């Protein structure tokens, strides 16, 4: 469905075709954990970089654990960025996709709450 013209693009009257139908974006709750080898300066740099990437997508709940609410594109972007940083021979990352309602199943005990 569109709001101004009969076809996509620009019509003769200068109107631009605008969709009024929005695709519903499905988001999921993903727990990201990582273990980066920090025995070298490069490893410490990788650790900081992975943490920064995760902060862009979620909330830190423990040192190397993030809760992220992301759509499929964001999840793919995050995985790609982290994959470009880590050294898979000595580092590891785990993604736990808990689905749309994953946050509903989190039980928290203690002082620090997640996002």
PDB file of N, CA and C in Angstrom:
ATOM      1  N   UNK A   1       0.839  -1.162   0.000  1.00  0.00           N
ATOM      2  CA  UNK A   1       0.000   0.000   0.000  1.00  0.00           C
ATOM      3  C   UNK A   1       0.887   1.228   0.000  1.00  0.00           C
ATOM      4  N   UNK A   2       0.434   2.273  -0.660  1.00  0.00           N
ATOM      5  CA  UNK A   2       1.225   3.486  -0.738  1.00  0.00           C
ATOM      6  C   UNK A   2       0.340   4.703  -0.520  1.00  0.00           C
ATOM      7  N   UNK A   3       0.970   5.822  -0.244  1.00  0.00           N
ATOM      8  CA  UNK A   3       0.182   6.970   0.168  1.00  0.00           C
ATOM      9  C   UNK A   3      -0.014   8.012  -0.911  1.00  0.00           C
ATOM     10  N   UNK A   4       0.882   8.131  -1.901  1.00  0.00           N
ATOM     11  CA  UNK A   4       0.744   9.262  -2.808  1.00  0.00           C
ATOM     12  C   UNK A   4       0.602   8.891  -4.278  1.00  0.00           C
ATOM     13  N   UNK A   5       1.335   7.937  -4.771  1.00  0.00           N
ATOM     14  CA  UNK A   5       1.326   7.661  -6.205  1.00  0.00           C
ATOM     15  C   UNK A   5       0.987   6.205  -6.483  1.00  0.00           C
ATOM     16  N   UNK A   6       0.792   5.910  -7.746  1.00  0.00           N
ATOM     17  CA  UNK A   6       0.343   4.583  -8.141  1.00  0.00           C
ATOM     18  C   UNK A   6       1.479   3.586  -8.280  1.00  0.00           C
ATOM     19  N   UNK A   7       2.701   4.045  -8.343  1.00  0.00           N
ATOM     20  CA  UNK A   7       3.811   3.121  -8.520  1.00  0.00           C
ATOM     21  C   UNK A   7       5.038   3.633  -7.784  1.00  0.00           C
ATOM     22  N   UNK A   8       5.949   2.730  -7.479  1.00  0.00           N
ATOM     23  CA  UNK A   8       7.164   3.144  -6.793  1.00  0.00           C
ATOM     24  C   UNK A   8       7.959   4.151  -7.613  1.00  0.00           C
ATOM     25  N   UNK A   9       8.748   4.967  -6.952  1.00  0.00           N
ATOM     26  CA  UNK A   9       9.561   5.965  -7.622  1.00  0.00           C
ATOM     27  C   UNK A   9       8.899   7.325  -7.548  1.00  0.00           C
ATOM     28  N   UNK A  10       9.228   8.168  -8.484  1.00  0.00           N
ATOM     29  CA  UNK A  10       8.658   9.515  -8.520  1.00  0.00           C
ATOM     30  C   UNK A  10       7.683   9.595  -9.683  1.00  0.00           C
ATOM     31  N   UNK A  11       6.488  10.096  -9.426  1.00  0.00           N
ATOM     32  CA  UNK A  11       5.488  10.217 -10.492  1.00  0.00           C
ATOM     33  C   UNK A  11       5.719  11.527 -11.238  1.00  0.00           C
ATOM     34  N   UNK A  12       4.963  11.763 -12.267  1.00  0.00           N
ATOM     35  CA  UNK A  12       5.079  12.980 -13.064  1.00  0.00           C
ATOM     36  C   UNK A  12       4.826  14.237 -12.253  1.00  0.00           C
ATOM     37  N   UNK A  13       4.052  14.142 -11.189  1.00  0.00           N
ATOM     38  CA  UNK A  13       3.743  15.308 -10.378  1.00  0.00           C
ATOM     39  C   UNK A  13       4.805  15.601  -9.332  1.00  0.00           C
ATOM     40  N   UNK A  14       5.876  14.844  -9.315  1.00  0.00           N
ATOM     41  CA  UNK A  14       6.957  15.102  -8.378  1.00  0.00           C
ATOM     42  C   UNK A  14       6.756  14.440  -7.026  1.00  0.00           C
ATOM     43  N   UNK A  15       5.645  13.708  -6.877  1.00  0.00           N
ATOM     44  CA  UNK A  15       5.423  13.023  -5.606  1.00  0.00           C
ATOM     45  C   UNK A  15       6.328  11.806  -5.511  1.00  0.00           C
ATOM     46  N   UNK A  16       6.734  11.528  -4.353  1.00  0.00           N
ATOM     47  CA  UNK A  16       7.565  10.344  -4.119  1.00  0.00           C
ATOM     48  C   UNK A  16       6.690   9.258  -3.513  1.00  0.00           C
ATOM     49  N   UNK A  17       6.854   8.035  -3.970  1.00  0.00           N
ATOM     50  CA  UNK A  17       6.093   6.897  -3.454  1.00  0.00           C
ATOM     51  C   UNK A  17       6.556   6.603  -2.048  1.00  0.00           C
ATOM     52  N   UNK A  18       5.630   6.502  -1.124  1.00  0.00           N
ATOM     53  CA  UNK A  18       5.941   6.236   0.270  1.00  0.00           C
ATOM     54  C   UNK A  18       5.100   5.055   0.737  1.00  0.00           C
ATOM     55  N   UNK A  19       5.741   4.050   1.266  1.00  0.00           N
ATOM     56  CA  UNK A  19       5.019   2.894   1.771  1.00  0.00           C
ATOM     57  C   UNK A  19       4.423   3.212   3.124  1.00  0.00           C
ATOM     58  N   UNK A  20       3.173   2.824   3.328  1.00  0.00           N
ATOM     59  CA  UNK A  20       2.543   3.004   4.634  1.00  0.00           C
ATOM     60  C   UNK A  20       2.484   1.684   5.392  1.00  0.00           C
ATOM     61  N   UNK A  21       2.971   0.631   4.766  1.00  0.00           N
ATOM     62  CA  UNK A  21       3.002  -0.676   5.418  1.00  0.00           C
ATOM     63  C   UNK A  21       4.396  -0.868   5.998  1.00  0.00           C
ATOM     64  N   UNK A  22       4.482  -1.097   7.278  1.00  0.00           N
ATOM     65  CA  UNK A  22       5.772  -1.292   7.936  1.00  0.00           C
ATOM     66  C   UNK A  22       5.967  -2.776   8.218  1.00  0.00           C
ATOM     67  N   UNK A  23       7.142  -3.271   7.879  1.00  0.00           N
ATOM     68  CA  UNK A  23       7.462  -4.651   8.221  1.00  0.00           C
ATOM     69  C   UNK A  23       7.728  -4.713   9.720  1.00  0.00           C
ATOM     70  N   UNK A  24       7.126  -5.674  10.375  1.00  0.00           N
ATOM     71  CA  UNK A  24       7.373  -5.845  11.799  1.00  0.00           C
ATOM     72  C   UNK A  24       8.726  -6.514  11.968  1.00  0.00           C
ATOM     73  N   UNK A  25       9.609  -5.835  12.681  1.00  0.00           N
ATOM     74  CA  UNK A  25      10.945  -6.359  12.916  1.00  0.00           C
ATOM     75  C   UNK A  25      10.898  -7.223  14.168  1.00  0.00           C
ATOM     76  N   UNK A  26      11.351  -8.442  14.029  1.00  0.00           N
ATOM     77  CA  UNK A  26      11.356  -9.368  15.152  1.00  0.00           C
ATOM     78  C   UNK A  26      12.688  -9.268  15.874  1.00  0.00           C
ATOM     79  N   UNK A  27      12.627  -9.013  17.172  1.00  0.00           N
ATOM     80  CA  UNK A  27      13.845  -8.940  17.963  1.00  0.00           C
ATOM     81  C   UNK A  27      13.951 -10.169  18.855  1.00  0.00           C
ATOM     82  N   UNK A  28      15.176 -10.525  19.182  1.00  0.00           N
ATOM     83  CA  UNK A  28      15.428 -11.674  20.038  1.00  0.00           C
ATOM     84  C   UNK A  28      16.364 -11.253  21.173  1.00  0.00           C
ATOM     85  N   UNK A  29      16.338 -12.034  22.224  1.00  0.00           N
ATOM     86  CA  UNK A  29      17.187 -11.822  23.387  1.00  0.00           C
ATOM     87  C   UNK A  29      18.381 -12.761  23.252  1.00  0.00           C
ATOM     88  N   UNK A  30      19.583 -12.210  23.189  1.00  0.00           N
ATOM     89  CA  UNK A  30      20.787 -13.003  22.985  1.00  0.00           C
ATOM     90  C   UNK A  30      21.760 -12.723  24.131  1.00  0.00           C
ATOM     91  N   UNK A  31      22.264 -13.779  24.702  1.00  0.00           N
ATOM     92  CA  UNK A  31      23.300 -13.678  25.717  1.00  0.00           C
ATOM     93  C   UNK A  31      24.629 -13.919  25.011  1.00  0.00           C
ATOM     94  N   UNK A  32      25.563 -12.996  25.146  1.00  0.00           N
ATOM     95  CA  UNK A  32      26.873 -13.108  24.503  1.00  0.00           C
ATOM     96  C   UNK A  32      27.925 -13.248  25.596  1.00  0.00           C
ATOM     97  N   UNK A  33      28.719 -14.287  25.504  1.00  0.00           N
ATOM     98  CA  UNK A  33      29.828 -14.486  26.436  1.00  0.00           C
ATOM     99  C   UNK A  33      31.109 -14.653  25.632  1.00  0.00           C
ATOM    100  N   UNK A  34      32.210 -14.170  26.179  1.00  0.00           N
ATOM    101  CA  UNK A  34      33.468 -14.311  25.451  1.00  0.00           C
ATOM    102  C   UNK A  34      34.622 -14.515  26.417  1.00  0.00           C
ATOM    103  N   UNK A  35      35.650 -15.164  25.904  1.00  0.00           N
ATOM    104  CA  UNK A  35      36.887 -15.399  26.637  1.00  0.00           C
ATOM    105  C   UNK A  35      38.014 -15.073  25.674  1.00  0.00           C
ATOM    106  N   UNK A  36      38.649 -13.944  25.894  1.00  0.00           N
ATOM    107  CA  UNK A  36      39.720 -13.494  25.010  1.00  0.00           C
ATOM    108  C   UNK A  36      41.037 -13.629  25.756  1.00  0.00           C
ATOM    109  N   UNK A  37      42.007 -14.265  25.125  1.00  0.00           N
ATOM    110  CA  UNK A  37      43.324 -14.465  25.721  1.00  0.00           C
ATOM    111  C   UNK A  37      44.018 -13.112  25.868  1.00  0.00           C
ATOM    112  N   UNK A  38      44.350 -12.737  27.101  1.00  0.00           N
ATOM    113  CA  UNK A  38      44.942 -11.418  27.369  1.00  0.00           C
ATOM    114  C   UNK A  38      46.405 -11.493  27.791  1.00  0.00           C
ATOM    115  N   UNK A  39      47.107 -12.542  27.388  1.00  0.00           N
ATOM    116  CA  UNK A  39      48.512 -12.690  27.757  1.00  0.00           C
ATOM    117  C   UNK A  39      49.434 -11.745  26.983  1.00  0.00           C
ATOM    118  N   UNK A  40      48.927 -11.154  25.918  1.00  0.00           N
ATOM    119  CA  UNK A  40      49.741 -10.230  25.110  1.00  0.00           C
ATOM    120  C   UNK A  40      49.013  -8.887  25.017  1.00  0.00           C
ATOM    121  N   UNK A  41      49.750  -7.833  24.654  1.00  0.00           N
ATOM    122  CA  UNK A  41      49.094  -6.533  24.442  1.00  0.00           C
ATOM    123  C   UNK A  41      48.006  -6.606  23.364  1.00  0.00           C
ATOM    124  N   UNK A  42      48.247  -7.418  22.332  1.00  0.00           N
ATOM    125  CA  UNK A  42      47.243  -7.571  21.271  1.00  0.00           C
ATOM    126  C   UNK A  42      45.970  -8.215  21.822  1.00  0.00           C
ATOM    127  N   UNK A  43      46.141  -9.188  22.716  1.00  0.00           N
ATOM    128  CA  UNK A  43      44.991  -9.844  23.328  1.00  0.00           C
ATOM    129  C   UNK A  43      44.187  -8.886  24.191  1.00  0.00           C
ATOM    130  N   UNK A  44      44.872  -8.023  24.929  1.00  0.00           N
ATOM    131  CA  UNK A  44      44.169  -7.029  25.748  1.00  0.00           C
ATOM    132  C   UNK A  44      43.418  -6.038  24.869  1.00  0.00           C
ATOM    133  N   UNK A  45      44.004  -5.699  23.717  1.00  0.00           N
ATOM    134  CA  UNK A  45      43.329  -4.815  22.761  1.00  0.00           C
ATOM    135  C   UNK A  45      42.088  -5.502  22.198  1.00  0.00           C
ATOM    136  N   UNK A  46      42.213  -6.785  21.842  1.00  0.00           N
ATOM    137  CA  UNK A  46      41.058  -7.533  21.326  1.00  0.00           C
ATOM    138  C   UNK A  46      39.941  -7.574  22.367  1.00  0.00           C
ATOM    139  N   UNK A  47      40.309  -7.804  23.627  1.00  0.00           N
ATOM    140  CA  UNK A  47      39.323  -7.853  24.700  1.00  0.00           C
ATOM    141  C   UNK A  47      38.551  -6.534  24.795  1.00  0.00           C
ATOM    142  N   UNK A  48      39.264  -5.418  24.799  1.00  0.00           N
ATOM    143  CA  UNK A  48      38.606  -4.100  24.867  1.00  0.00           C
ATOM    144  C   UNK A  48      37.716  -3.866  23.654  1.00  0.00           C
ATOM    145  N   UNK A  49      38.187  -4.281  22.484  1.00  0.00           N
ATOM    146  CA  UNK A  49      37.416  -4.076  21.260  1.00  0.00           C
ATOM    147  C   UNK A  49      36.141  -4.911  21.258  1.00  0.00           C
ATOM    148  N   UNK A  50      36.245  -6.169  21.669  1.00  0.00           N
ATOM    149  CA  UNK A  50      35.048  -7.023  21.745  1.00  0.00           C
ATOM    150  C   UNK A  50      34.050  -6.428  22.737  1.00  0.00           C
ATOM    151  N   UNK A  51      34.530  -5.963  23.874  1.00  0.00           N
ATOM    152  CA  UNK A  51      33.631  -5.355  24.866  1.00  0.00           C
ATOM    153  C   UNK A  51      32.945  -4.128  24.283  1.00  0.00           C
ATOM    154  N   UNK A  52      33.686  -3.286  23.571  1.00  0.00           N
ATOM    155  CA  UNK A  52      33.097  -2.089  22.954  1.00  0.00           C
ATOM    156  C   UNK A  52      32.023  -2.454  21.936  1.00  0.00           C
ATOM    157  N   UNK A  53      32.290  -3.468  21.144  1.00  0.00           N
ATOM    158  CA  UNK A  53      31.296  -3.912  20.154  1.00  0.00           C
ATOM    159  C   UNK A  53      30.028  -4.362  20.881  1.00  0.00           C
ATOM    160  N   UNK A  54      30.197  -5.190  21.888  1.00  0.00           N
ATOM    161  CA  UNK A  54      29.033  -5.690  22.631  1.00  0.00           C
ATOM    162  C   UNK A  54      28.248  -4.550  23.283  1.00  0.00           C
ATOM    163  N   UNK A  55      28.946  -3.530  23.796  1.00  0.00           N
ATOM    164  CA  UNK A  55      28.261  -2.391  24.418  1.00  0.00           C
ATOM    165  C   UNK A  55      27.362  -1.662  23.427  1.00  0.00           C
ATOM    166  N   UNK A  56      27.711  -1.723  22.149  1.00  0.00           N
ATOM    167  CA  UNK A  56      26.880  -1.080  21.123  1.00  0.00           C
ATOM    168  C   UNK A  56      25.577  -1.828  20.871  1.00  0.00           C
ATOM    169  N   UNK A  57      25.502  -3.076  21.309  1.00  0.00           N
ATOM    170  CA  UNK A  57      24.333  -3.900  21.037  1.00  0.00           C
ATOM    171  C   UNK A  57      23.581  -4.342  22.289  1.00  0.00           C
ATOM    172  N   UNK A  58      24.179  -4.166  23.462  1.00  0.00           N
ATOM    173  CA  UNK A  58      23.512  -4.679  24.651  1.00  0.00           C
ATOM    174  C   UNK A  58      24.030  -4.080  25.932  1.00  0.00           C
ATOM    175  N   UNK A  59      23.736  -4.770  27.025  1.00  0.00           N
ATOM    176  CA  UNK A  59      24.080  -4.317  28.359  1.00  0.00           C
ATOM    177  C   UNK A  59      25.000  -5.331  29.024  1.00  0.00           C
ATOM    178  N   UNK A  60      26.094  -4.832  29.590  1.00  0.00           N
ATOM    179  CA  UNK A  60      27.019  -5.716  30.295  1.00  0.00           C
ATOM    180  C   UNK A  60      26.378  -6.143  31.609  1.00  0.00           C
ATOM    181  N   UNK A  61      26.339  -7.453  31.857  1.00  0.00           N
ATOM    182  CA  UNK A  61      25.791  -7.960  33.113  1.00  0.00           C
ATOM    183  C   UNK A  61      26.880  -8.605  33.978  1.00  0.00           C
ATOM    184  N   UNK A  62      27.988  -8.977  33.364  1.00  0.00           N
ATOM    185  CA  UNK A  62      29.170  -9.434  34.077  1.00  0.00           C
ATOM    186  C   UNK A  62      30.359  -9.070  33.199  1.00  0.00           C
ATOM    187  N   UNK A  63      31.573  -9.302  33.673  1.00  0.00           N
ATOM    188  CA  UNK A  63      32.753  -8.829  32.936  1.00  0.00           C
ATOM    189  C   UNK A  63      32.737  -9.185  31.452  1.00  0.00           C
ATOM    190  N   UNK A  64      32.522 -10.406  31.112  1.00  0.00           N
ATOM    191  CA  UNK A  64      32.535 -10.827  29.705  1.00  0.00           C
ATOM    192  C   UNK A  64      31.198 -11.416  29.285  1.00  0.00           C
ATOM    193  N   UNK A  65      30.110 -10.855  29.826  1.00  0.00           N
ATOM    194  CA  UNK A  65      28.761 -11.332  29.525  1.00  0.00           C
ATOM    195  C   UNK A  65      27.857 -10.135  29.228  1.00  0.00           C
ATOM    196  N   UNK A  66      27.186 -10.192  28.078  1.00  0.00           N
ATOM    197  CA  UNK A  66      26.270  -9.131  27.677  1.00  0.00           C
ATOM    198  C   UNK A  66      24.902  -9.702  27.346  1.00  0.00           C
ATOM    199  N   UNK A  67      23.859  -8.993  27.731  1.00  0.00           N
ATOM    200  CA  UNK A  67      22.489  -9.286  27.306  1.00  0.00           C
ATOM    201  C   UNK A  67      22.160  -8.319  26.182  1.00  0.00           C
ATOM    202  N   UNK A  68      21.735  -8.858  25.056  1.00  0.00           N
ATOM    203  CA  UNK A  68      21.454  -8.035  23.887  1.00  0.00           C
ATOM    204  C   UNK A  68      20.041  -8.318  23.378  1.00  0.00           C
ATOM    205  N   UNK A  69      19.302  -7.267  23.087  1.00  0.00           N
ATOM    206  CA  UNK A  69      18.008  -7.386  22.420  1.00  0.00           C
ATOM    207  C   UNK A  69      18.224  -6.820  21.025  1.00  0.00           C
ATOM    208  N   UNK A  70      18.259  -7.708  20.035  1.00  0.00           N
ATOM    209  CA  UNK A  70      18.651  -7.325  18.680  1.00  0.00           C
ATOM    210  C   UNK A  70      17.737  -7.974  17.650  1.00  0.00           C
ATOM    211  N   UNK A  71      17.681  -7.359  16.477  1.00  0.00           N
ATOM    212  CA  UNK A  71      16.993  -8.009  15.365  1.00  0.00           C
ATOM    213  C   UNK A  71      18.028  -8.845  14.598  1.00  0.00           C
ATOM    214  N   UNK A  72      17.581  -9.552  13.600  1.00  0.00           N
ATOM    215  CA  UNK A  72      18.483 -10.482  12.898  1.00  0.00           C
ATOM    216  C   UNK A  72      19.634  -9.762  12.205  1.00  0.00           C
ATOM    217  N   UNK A  73      19.390  -8.567  11.690  1.00  0.00           N
ATOM    218  CA  UNK A  73      20.450  -7.811  11.020  1.00  0.00           C
ATOM    219  C   UNK A  73      21.489  -7.359  12.040  1.00  0.00           C
ATOM    220  N   UNK A  74      21.034  -6.847  13.180  1.00  0.00           N
ATOM    221  CA  UNK A  74      21.959  -6.418  14.225  1.00  0.00           C
ATOM    222  C   UNK A  74      22.778  -7.589  14.749  1.00  0.00           C
ATOM    223  N   UNK A  75      22.148  -8.732  14.918  1.00  0.00           N
ATOM    224  CA  UNK A  75      22.867  -9.912  15.388  1.00  0.00           C
ATOM    225  C   UNK A  75      23.955 -10.313  14.401  1.00  0.00           C
ATOM    226  N   UNK A  76      23.637 -10.297  13.124  1.00  0.00           N
ATOM    227  CA  UNK A  76      24.614 -10.653  12.096  1.00  0.00           C
ATOM    228  C   UNK A  76      25.761  -9.629  12.085  1.00  0.00           C
ATOM    229  N   UNK A  77      25.417  -8.344  12.209  1.00  0.00           N
ATOM    230  CA  UNK A  77      26.454  -7.304  12.247  1.00  0.00           C
ATOM    231  C   UNK A  77      27.391  -7.511  13.433  1.00  0.00           C
ATOM    232  N   UNK A  78      26.806  -7.758  14.610  1.00  0.00           N
ATOM    233  CA  UNK A  78      27.604  -7.946  15.812  1.00  0.00           C
ATOM    234  C   UNK A  78      28.533  -9.154  15.659  1.00  0.00           C
ATOM    235  N   UNK A  79      27.999 -10.263  15.175  1.00  0.00           N
ATOM    236  CA  UNK A  79      28.809 -11.467  14.993  1.00  0.00           C
ATOM    237  C   UNK A  79      29.945 -11.217  13.998  1.00  0.00           C
ATOM    238  N   UNK A  80      29.653 -10.499  12.932  1.00  0.00           N
ATOM    239  CA  UNK A  80      30.667 -10.205  11.925  1.00  0.00           C
ATOM    240  C   UNK A  80      31.771  -9.338  12.506  1.00  0.00           C
ATOM    241  N   UNK A  81      31.387  -8.280  13.221  1.00  0.00           N
ATOM    242  CA  UNK A  81      32.383  -7.380  13.815  1.00  0.00           C
ATOM    243  C   UNK A  81      33.257  -8.114  14.827  1.00  0.00           C
ATOM    244  N   UNK A  82      32.637  -8.913  15.676  1.00  0.00           N
ATOM    245  CA  UNK A  82      33.415  -9.665  16.672  1.00  0.00           C
ATOM    246  C   UNK A  82      34.310 -10.691  15.979  1.00  0.00           C
ATOM    247  N   UNK A  83      33.780 -11.346  14.958  1.00  0.00           N
ATOM    248  CA  UNK A  83      34.565 -12.333  14.217  1.00  0.00           C
ATOM    249  C   UNK A  83      35.788 -11.741  13.545  1.00  0.00           C
ATOM    250  N   UNK A  84      35.719 -10.467  13.186  1.00  0.00           N
ATOM    251  CA  UNK A  84      36.858  -9.789  12.564  1.00  0.00           C
ATOM    252  C   UNK A  84      37.930  -9.410  13.587  1.00  0.00           C
ATOM    253  N   UNK A  85      37.570  -9.411  14.872  1.00  0.00           N
ATOM    254  CA  UNK A  85      38.488  -8.970  15.921  1.00  0.00           C
ATOM    255  C   UNK A  85      39.177 -10.135  16.618  1.00  0.00           C
ATOM    256  N   UNK A  86      38.430 -11.169  16.955  1.00  0.00           N
ATOM    257  CA  UNK A  86      38.996 -12.243  17.766  1.00  0.00           C
ATOM    258  C   UNK A  86      39.985 -13.103  16.981  1.00  0.00           C
ATOM    259  N   UNK A  87      40.801 -13.801  17.728  1.00  0.00           N
ATOM    260  CA  UNK A  87      41.689 -14.805  17.151  1.00  0.00           C
ATOM    261  C   UNK A  87      41.090 -16.157  17.520  1.00  0.00           C
ATOM    262  N   UNK A  88      40.405 -16.833  16.589  1.00  0.00           N
ATOM    263  CA  UNK A  88      39.702 -18.072  16.918  1.00  0.00           C
ATOM    264  C   UNK A  88      40.610 -19.205  17.388  1.00  0.00           C
ATOM    265  N   UNK A  89      41.901 -19.061  17.202  1.00  0.00           N
ATOM    266  CA  UNK A  89      42.827 -20.094  17.686  1.00  0.00           C
ATOM    267  C   UNK A  89      42.997 -20.027  19.203  1.00  0.00           C
ATOM    268  N   UNK A  90      42.777 -18.837  19.795  1.00  0.00           N
ATOM    269  CA  UNK A  90      43.001 -18.700  21.236  1.00  0.00           C
ATOM    270  C   UNK A  90      41.861 -17.986  21.973  1.00  0.00           C
ATOM    271  N   UNK A  91      40.903 -17.427  21.263  1.00  0.00           N
ATOM    272  CA  UNK A  91      39.761 -16.732  21.860  1.00  0.00           C
ATOM    273  C   UNK A  91      38.489 -17.512  21.565  1.00  0.00           C
ATOM    274  N   UNK A  92      37.437 -17.234  22.340  1.00  0.00           N
ATOM    275  CA  UNK A  92      36.146 -17.862  22.035  1.00  0.00           C
ATOM    276  C   UNK A  92      35.006 -16.916  22.373  1.00  0.00           C
ATOM    277  N   UNK A  93      33.925 -17.061  21.614  1.00  0.00           N
ATOM    278  CA  UNK A  93      32.700 -16.287  21.829  1.00  0.00           C
ATOM    279  C   UNK A  93      31.537 -17.264  21.728  1.00  0.00           C
ATOM    280  N   UNK A  94      30.548 -17.101  22.615  1.00  0.00           N
ATOM    281  CA  UNK A  94      29.343 -17.935  22.576  1.00  0.00           C
ATOM    282  C   UNK A  94      28.136 -17.010  22.494  1.00  0.00           C
ATOM    283  N   UNK A  95      27.196 -17.373  21.628  1.00  0.00           N
ATOM    284  CA  UNK A  95      25.951 -16.633  21.453  1.00  0.00           C
ATOM    285  C   UNK A  95      24.807 -17.556  21.846  1.00  0.00           C
ATOM    286  N   UNK A  96      24.068 -17.189  22.865  1.00  0.00           N
ATOM    287  CA  UNK A  96      22.906 -17.963  23.294  1.00  0.00           C
ATOM    288  C   UNK A  96      21.666 -17.206  22.848  1.00  0.00           C
ATOM    289  N   UNK A  97      21.023 -17.683  21.788  1.00  0.00           N
ATOM    290  CA  UNK A  97      19.814 -17.038  21.277  1.00  0.00           C
ATOM    291  C   UNK A  97      18.630 -17.579  22.067  1.00  0.00           C
ATOM    292  N   UNK A  98      18.070 -16.735  22.930  1.00  0.00           N
ATOM    293  CA  UNK A  98      16.990 -17.158  23.817  1.00  0.00           C
ATOM    294  C   UNK A  98      15.608 -16.783  23.272  1.00  0.00           C
ATOM    295  N   UNK A  99      15.553 -16.280  22.055  1.00  0.00           N
ATOM    296  CA  UNK A  99      14.281 -16.014  21.398  1.00  0.00           C
ATOM    297  C   UNK A  99      13.623 -14.699  21.803  1.00  0.00           C
ATOM    298  N   UNK A 100      12.401 -14.513  21.316  1.00  0.00           N
ATOM    299  CA  UNK A 100      11.661 -13.269  21.552  1.00  0.00           C
ATOM    300  C   UNK A 100      11.349 -13.026  23.020  1.00  0.00           C
ATOM    301  N   UNK A 101      11.074 -14.088  23.745  1.00  0.00           N
ATOM    302  CA  UNK A 101      10.644 -13.951  25.132  1.00  0.00           C
ATOM    303  C   UNK A 101      11.705 -14.431  26.119  1.00  0.00           C
ATOM    304  N   UNK A 102      12.946 -14.476  25.677  1.00  0.00           N
ATOM    305  CA  UNK A 102      14.027 -14.974  26.523  1.00  0.00           C
ATOM    306  C   UNK A 102      14.200 -14.211  27.810  1.00  0.00           C
ATOM    307  N   UNK A 103      14.022 -12.903  27.754  1.00  0.00           N
ATOM    308  CA  UNK A 103      14.187 -12.073  28.953  1.00  0.00           C
ATOM    309  C   UNK A 103      13.185 -12.471  30.037  1.00  0.00           C
ATOM    310  N   UNK A 104      12.022 -12.960  29.624  1.00  0.00           N
ATOM    311  CA  UNK A 104      11.000 -13.376  30.588  1.00  0.00           C
ATOM    312  C   UNK A 104      11.452 -14.568  31.431  1.00  0.00           C
ATOM    313  N   UNK A 105      12.463 -15.287  30.962  1.00  0.00           N
ATOM    314  CA  UNK A 105      12.922 -16.497  31.650  1.00  0.00           C
ATOM    315  C   UNK A 105      14.202 -16.282  32.452  1.00  0.00           C
ATOM    316  N   UNK A 106      14.621 -15.021  32.561  1.00  0.00           N
ATOM    317  CA  UNK A 106      15.834 -14.718  33.319  1.00  0.00           C
ATOM    318  C   UNK A 106      15.457 -14.500  34.775  1.00  0.00           C
ATOM    319  N   UNK A 107      16.125 -15.210  35.640  1.00  0.00           N
ATOM    320  CA  UNK A 107      15.931 -15.028  37.074  1.00  0.00           C
ATOM    321  C   UNK A 107      17.199 -14.391  37.626  1.00  0.00           C
ATOM    322  N   UNK A 108      17.048 -13.299  38.323  1.00  0.00           N
ATOM    323  CA  UNK A 108      18.211 -12.570  38.838  1.00  0.00           C
ATOM    324  C   UNK A 108      18.206 -12.585  40.360  1.00  0.00           C
ATOM    325  N   UNK A 109      19.355 -12.840  40.943  1.00  0.00           N
ATOM    326  CA  UNK A 109      19.531 -12.781  42.392  1.00  0.00           C
ATOM    327  C   UNK A 109      20.768 -11.921  42.635  1.00  0.00           C
ATOM    328  N   UNK A 110      20.684 -10.937  43.462  1.00  0.00           N
ATOM    329  CA  UNK A 110      21.833 -10.108  43.779  1.00  0.00           C
ATOM    330  C   UNK A 110      21.619  -8.650  43.424  1.00  0.00           C
ATOM    331  N   UNK A 111      22.670  -7.873  43.583  1.00  0.00           N
ATOM    332  CA  UNK A 111      22.564  -6.425  43.514  1.00  0.00           C
ATOM    333  C   UNK A 111      22.506  -5.865  42.098  1.00  0.00           C
ATOM    334  N   UNK A 112      23.310  -6.359  41.182  1.00  0.00           N
ATOM    335  CA  UNK A 112      23.427  -5.750  39.863  1.00  0.00           C
ATOM    336  C   UNK A 112      22.423  -6.338  38.892  1.00  0.00           C
ATOM    337  N   UNK A 113      21.526  -5.529  38.409  1.00  0.00           N
ATOM    338  CA  UNK A 113      20.516  -5.967  37.442  1.00  0.00           C
ATOM    339  C   UNK A 113      21.037  -5.765  36.027  1.00  0.00           C
ATOM    340  N   UNK A 114      20.558  -6.609  35.107  1.00  0.00           N
ATOM    341  CA  UNK A 114      20.884  -6.453  33.701  1.00  0.00           C
ATOM    342  C   UNK A 114      20.033  -5.380  33.069  1.00  0.00           C
ATOM    343  N   UNK A 115      20.188  -5.214  31.736  1.00  0.00           N
ATOM    344  CA  UNK A 115      19.477  -4.154  31.023  1.00  0.00           C
ATOM    345  C   UNK A 115      18.101  -4.468  30.635  1.00  0.00           C
TER     346      UNK A 115
END
